[in-house]
Protein backbone atom coordinates (compact mmCIF):
# COMPACT_ATOMS: atom_id res chain seq x y z
CA MET A 1 -3.95 20.05 -9.84
CA THR A 2 -4.74 22.28 -6.85
CA HIS A 3 -2.28 21.53 -4.11
CA HIS A 4 -3.50 21.17 -0.53
CA LYS A 5 -1.65 21.08 2.76
CA VAL A 6 -1.17 17.42 3.64
CA CYS A 7 0.04 16.04 6.94
CA PHE A 8 0.98 12.47 7.75
CA ILE A 9 0.46 11.32 11.32
CA GLY A 10 3.13 8.64 11.50
CA ALA A 11 6.43 8.35 9.69
CA GLY A 12 6.91 4.65 9.02
CA ASN A 13 7.52 2.76 5.78
CA MET A 14 4.11 3.35 4.21
CA PRO A 15 3.90 7.12 4.73
CA ARG A 16 7.48 7.31 3.51
CA SER A 17 6.43 5.47 0.36
CA ILE A 18 3.51 7.83 -0.27
CA ILE A 19 5.55 10.94 0.48
CA SER A 20 8.24 9.73 -1.89
CA GLY A 21 5.65 9.22 -4.63
CA LEU A 22 4.15 12.66 -4.06
CA VAL A 23 7.46 14.50 -4.14
CA LYS A 24 8.73 12.59 -7.16
CA SER A 25 5.51 13.44 -9.00
CA GLY A 26 6.10 17.14 -8.38
CA TYR A 27 3.92 17.78 -5.33
CA PRO A 28 5.38 20.76 -3.39
CA ALA A 29 7.38 19.41 -0.47
CA THR A 30 6.64 22.59 1.49
CA LEU A 31 2.96 21.59 1.63
CA ILE A 32 3.73 18.16 3.11
CA GLN A 33 4.32 17.64 6.80
CA ALA A 34 4.94 14.52 8.85
CA SER A 35 4.47 14.08 12.58
CA ASN A 36 5.96 11.34 14.71
CA PRO A 37 6.89 10.95 18.41
CA SER A 38 10.55 10.13 17.72
CA THR A 39 12.90 12.12 15.53
CA PRO A 40 15.11 9.70 13.50
CA LYS A 41 12.43 8.88 10.89
CA LEU A 42 11.35 12.52 10.75
CA GLU A 43 14.91 13.66 10.18
CA ALA A 44 15.30 11.13 7.38
CA LEU A 45 12.10 12.32 5.69
CA ALA A 46 13.17 15.95 5.92
CA ALA A 47 16.63 15.16 4.55
CA ASP A 48 15.45 12.90 1.74
CA PHE A 49 12.37 14.79 0.53
CA GLY A 50 12.56 18.32 1.94
CA ILE A 51 9.21 18.11 3.73
CA ARG A 52 8.38 19.78 7.03
CA VAL A 53 8.39 17.67 10.18
CA THR A 54 7.12 17.98 13.73
CA GLN A 55 6.57 15.91 16.85
CA ASP A 56 3.26 17.67 17.50
CA ASN A 57 0.34 15.74 15.97
CA ARG A 58 -2.18 18.41 16.89
CA ALA A 59 -0.25 21.27 15.31
CA ALA A 60 0.22 19.27 12.11
CA ALA A 61 -3.45 18.33 11.89
CA GLN A 62 -4.74 21.80 12.67
CA GLU A 63 -3.05 23.45 9.70
CA ALA A 64 -3.61 20.62 7.21
CA ASP A 65 -6.35 20.29 4.62
CA VAL A 66 -5.78 16.54 4.37
CA VAL A 67 -4.83 14.45 7.42
CA VAL A 68 -3.36 11.06 6.56
CA LEU A 69 -3.54 8.66 9.49
CA SER A 70 -0.63 6.26 9.08
CA VAL A 71 -0.06 4.67 12.47
CA LYS A 72 -0.43 1.06 13.56
CA PRO A 73 -4.02 -0.06 14.19
CA GLN A 74 -3.39 -0.58 17.89
CA LEU A 75 -2.35 3.08 18.22
CA MET A 76 -5.13 4.54 16.08
CA GLN A 77 -7.69 5.18 18.82
CA ALA A 78 -5.26 7.12 21.00
CA VAL A 79 -4.04 9.19 18.03
CA CYS A 80 -7.57 10.04 16.88
CA GLU A 81 -8.79 10.90 20.35
CA GLU A 82 -5.85 13.28 20.77
CA LEU A 83 -7.13 15.15 17.71
CA SER A 84 -10.85 14.85 18.46
CA ASP A 85 -11.38 18.43 19.71
CA ILE A 86 -10.00 19.91 16.47
CA ASP A 87 -12.64 21.05 13.96
CA PHE A 88 -12.51 18.55 11.09
CA SER A 89 -15.50 19.93 9.18
CA ASN A 90 -13.27 21.31 6.39
CA LYS A 91 -10.64 18.58 6.47
CA LEU A 92 -10.39 15.28 4.63
CA VAL A 93 -9.19 12.32 6.67
CA VAL A 94 -7.37 9.57 4.79
CA THR A 95 -6.38 6.40 6.58
CA ILE A 96 -4.01 3.66 5.45
CA ALA A 97 -4.47 1.32 8.41
CA ALA A 98 -5.75 -2.21 7.94
CA GLY A 99 -8.49 -3.52 10.18
CA VAL A 100 -9.97 -0.25 11.48
CA THR A 101 -13.42 0.33 9.99
CA ALA A 102 -14.84 3.67 8.88
CA ALA A 103 -17.47 3.54 11.63
CA ARG A 104 -14.76 3.14 14.23
CA TYR A 105 -13.11 6.41 13.19
CA GLY A 106 -16.37 8.24 13.84
CA ASP A 107 -16.32 6.85 17.37
CA TYR A 108 -12.71 7.86 17.87
CA PHE A 109 -13.10 11.44 16.63
CA LYS A 110 -16.47 11.99 18.36
CA GLN A 111 -17.61 14.13 15.43
CA PRO A 112 -18.65 13.62 11.81
CA ILE A 113 -15.61 13.38 9.54
CA LYS A 114 -15.01 13.06 5.83
CA LEU A 115 -13.10 9.79 5.69
CA ILE A 116 -11.54 7.72 2.92
CA ARG A 117 -9.89 4.42 3.70
CA THR A 118 -6.99 3.44 1.49
CA MET A 119 -4.73 0.43 1.22
CA PRO A 120 -1.50 1.19 -0.69
CA ASN A 121 1.49 -1.08 -1.11
CA THR A 122 5.18 -0.31 -0.79
CA PRO A 123 6.01 -0.05 -4.53
CA THR A 124 4.25 3.32 -4.21
CA GLN A 125 7.71 4.52 -3.15
CA ILE A 126 9.04 4.09 -6.67
CA GLY A 127 5.92 5.13 -8.54
CA VAL A 128 4.57 1.68 -9.41
CA GLY A 129 2.31 1.13 -6.43
CA MET A 130 -1.24 -0.16 -6.25
CA THR A 131 -3.76 1.42 -3.89
CA GLY A 132 -7.29 0.38 -3.08
CA LEU A 133 -9.71 3.11 -1.93
CA TYR A 134 -13.09 3.11 -0.21
CA ALA A 135 -15.38 6.00 0.69
CA ALA A 136 -18.90 5.99 2.05
CA ASP A 137 -21.68 7.32 -0.18
CA ASP A 138 -21.79 10.65 1.65
CA VAL A 139 -18.17 11.55 0.80
CA ALA A 140 -18.21 14.25 -1.86
CA ALA A 141 -16.90 13.64 -5.35
CA ALA A 142 -14.36 16.45 -4.91
CA ASP A 143 -12.89 14.73 -1.86
CA ARG A 144 -12.76 11.41 -3.68
CA SER A 145 -10.98 13.08 -6.57
CA LEU A 146 -8.49 14.77 -4.24
CA CYS A 147 -7.63 11.50 -2.49
CA GLU A 148 -7.34 9.68 -5.80
CA ARG A 149 -4.93 12.29 -7.16
CA LEU A 150 -2.79 12.09 -4.05
CA MET A 151 -2.58 8.31 -4.06
CA ALA A 152 -2.17 8.04 -7.84
CA SER A 153 1.10 9.95 -7.54
CA GLY A 154 2.60 6.65 -6.44
CA GLY A 155 1.06 4.38 -9.06
CA GLU A 156 -2.37 3.01 -9.91
CA VAL A 157 -5.57 3.18 -7.85
CA VAL A 158 -8.81 1.21 -7.76
CA TRP A 159 -12.03 2.06 -5.92
CA VAL A 160 -14.02 -0.67 -4.20
CA ASP A 161 -17.77 -0.45 -3.67
CA LYS A 162 -17.88 -2.17 -0.28
CA GLU A 163 -15.63 -1.52 2.68
CA ALA A 164 -15.18 -5.26 3.21
CA ASP A 165 -13.59 -5.47 -0.25
CA LEU A 166 -10.55 -3.62 1.12
CA ASN A 167 -9.60 -6.92 2.73
CA GLN A 168 -9.43 -8.41 -0.77
CA VAL A 169 -7.20 -5.50 -1.79
CA ILE A 170 -4.90 -6.30 1.13
CA ALA A 171 -4.55 -9.91 -0.01
CA LEU A 172 -4.16 -9.11 -3.71
CA ALA A 173 -2.02 -5.97 -3.57
CA GLY A 174 -1.25 -4.62 -0.11
CA SER A 175 0.50 -7.73 1.17
CA SER A 176 1.37 -9.37 -2.14
CA PRO A 177 4.72 -7.69 -2.81
CA ALA A 178 5.98 -9.78 0.09
CA TYR A 179 4.69 -12.92 -1.64
CA PHE A 180 6.71 -12.12 -4.75
CA PHE A 181 9.78 -11.22 -2.70
CA LEU A 182 9.53 -14.59 -0.94
CA PHE A 183 9.24 -16.41 -4.28
CA MET A 184 12.23 -14.53 -5.69
CA GLU A 185 14.16 -15.17 -2.49
CA ALA A 186 13.48 -18.91 -2.85
CA MET A 187 14.57 -18.86 -6.50
CA MET A 188 17.79 -17.03 -5.66
CA ASP A 189 18.54 -19.40 -2.78
CA ALA A 190 18.05 -22.40 -5.07
CA GLY A 191 20.27 -20.87 -7.73
CA MET A 192 23.05 -20.18 -5.25
CA GLU A 193 22.82 -23.70 -3.85
CA MET A 194 23.36 -24.91 -7.42
CA GLY A 195 26.54 -22.82 -7.76
CA MET A 196 25.39 -19.41 -9.08
CA ASP A 197 26.90 -16.41 -7.28
CA GLU A 198 24.45 -14.12 -5.49
CA ALA A 199 24.83 -11.09 -7.76
CA LYS A 200 24.13 -13.07 -10.92
CA ALA A 201 21.28 -15.00 -9.31
CA ARG A 202 19.66 -11.73 -8.26
CA GLN A 203 20.09 -10.16 -11.69
CA LEU A 204 18.53 -13.15 -13.41
CA VAL A 205 15.59 -13.44 -11.04
CA GLN A 206 14.70 -9.77 -10.73
CA GLN A 207 14.81 -9.18 -14.48
CA ALA A 208 12.73 -12.27 -15.16
CA ALA A 209 10.13 -11.09 -12.62
CA LEU A 210 10.09 -7.58 -14.08
CA GLY A 211 9.78 -8.91 -17.61
CA ALA A 212 6.93 -11.26 -16.70
CA ALA A 213 4.98 -8.45 -15.01
CA GLN A 214 5.52 -6.13 -17.98
CA MET A 215 4.39 -8.81 -20.45
CA LEU A 216 1.18 -9.30 -18.47
CA LYS A 217 0.51 -5.58 -18.29
CA GLN A 218 1.30 -4.89 -21.94
CA ASN A 219 -0.83 -7.77 -23.23
CA PRO A 220 -4.25 -7.26 -21.62
CA GLN A 221 -5.81 -9.49 -24.27
CA LEU A 222 -3.84 -12.46 -22.92
CA SER A 223 -4.55 -14.19 -19.63
CA PRO A 224 -1.73 -15.24 -17.29
CA ALA A 225 -2.49 -18.83 -18.29
CA GLU A 226 -2.04 -18.03 -21.98
CA LEU A 227 1.26 -16.27 -21.33
CA ARG A 228 2.39 -19.24 -19.27
CA HIS A 229 1.46 -21.67 -22.05
CA ASN A 230 3.46 -19.56 -24.51
CA VAL A 231 6.59 -20.20 -22.43
CA THR A 232 5.90 -23.86 -21.79
CA SER A 233 6.92 -26.27 -24.53
CA LYS A 234 5.46 -29.76 -24.15
CA GLY A 235 7.98 -32.06 -22.55
CA GLY A 236 10.49 -29.23 -22.06
CA THR A 237 12.30 -27.71 -19.09
CA THR A 238 9.57 -25.21 -18.22
CA ALA A 239 6.92 -27.91 -18.37
CA GLU A 240 8.87 -29.96 -15.85
CA ALA A 241 9.20 -27.01 -13.45
CA ILE A 242 5.50 -26.15 -13.76
CA ALA A 243 4.51 -29.78 -13.19
CA THR A 244 6.58 -29.74 -10.00
CA PHE A 245 4.74 -26.67 -8.75
CA GLU A 246 1.38 -28.24 -9.60
CA ARG A 247 2.24 -31.48 -7.81
CA GLY A 248 3.11 -29.39 -4.77
CA ASP A 249 -0.31 -27.70 -4.95
CA LEU A 250 1.08 -24.20 -5.40
CA ARG A 251 -2.39 -22.92 -6.30
CA GLY A 252 -3.90 -24.33 -3.12
CA LEU A 253 -1.12 -22.86 -1.01
CA VAL A 254 -1.57 -19.42 -2.59
CA LYS A 255 -5.33 -19.56 -2.05
CA GLN A 256 -4.88 -20.56 1.58
CA ALA A 257 -2.31 -17.83 2.19
CA MET A 258 -4.63 -15.18 0.74
CA SER A 259 -7.58 -16.51 2.73
CA ASN A 260 -5.52 -16.33 5.91
CA CYS A 261 -4.49 -12.79 5.04
CA ILE A 262 -8.13 -11.75 4.66
CA LYS A 263 -9.15 -13.54 7.86
CA ARG A 264 -6.45 -11.69 9.79
CA ALA A 265 -7.76 -8.37 8.45
CA GLU A 266 -11.28 -9.35 9.52
CA ASP A 267 -10.05 -10.34 12.97
CA MET A 268 -8.24 -7.00 13.32
CA ALA A 269 -11.49 -5.17 12.51
CA LYS A 270 -13.12 -6.93 15.46
CA THR A 271 -10.21 -6.05 17.74
CA PHE A 272 -9.85 -2.38 16.90
């Protein structure tokens, strides 16, 4: 893999996750730079991963081959406009912000840019992330390949054909680790209320969740429903728990939560 100079504008949790994945996969830390207005997060990135850091967005972008925009959507316009007089003709712009459309970036930069929108999730930090990617038809195959290689350092990637489908990626992968954390949190809380100490409750829940995910991944010929049925003996303990979830309309609640997630992403696109 040819290594390019990559800069991250922003130093929050998501860029940290991607940087961690890159460095752990062997990407040269000396070719990675992060820029941020305040220093604590920059200092942590430099100490933890050996990358270069700066508080100067323009200097970072000017020397980079790939500029990763990783700031909050409400800050994106100001950040892009600060960089708009830099020549981006030979640079690839990668964005990880929800709710800011590709067309909007063209307005912000006031020049044609090669842009790929991505939506990674936080497990990228430990190499088991999931990232959705979208590029317009005029983005070259080489640029697509470069972005894919960068993002795949933190896990798996999937391309979507339509930009709007990134909102589905947000609901299914970008936001969903939080869903699972909430479910595990609820299970642990219930276990502790029933007398289990916290350490044991956590060990039981986290290993069960890990095992279930691995079983699904390693048995692609089996649907989640089939795997569930394999655990559920008629009239047994699992059947009673599952029946309780079904009576509480867990499926409906999940569907509504994901729909609300997508709607929020759509609303953000109108705002920014």
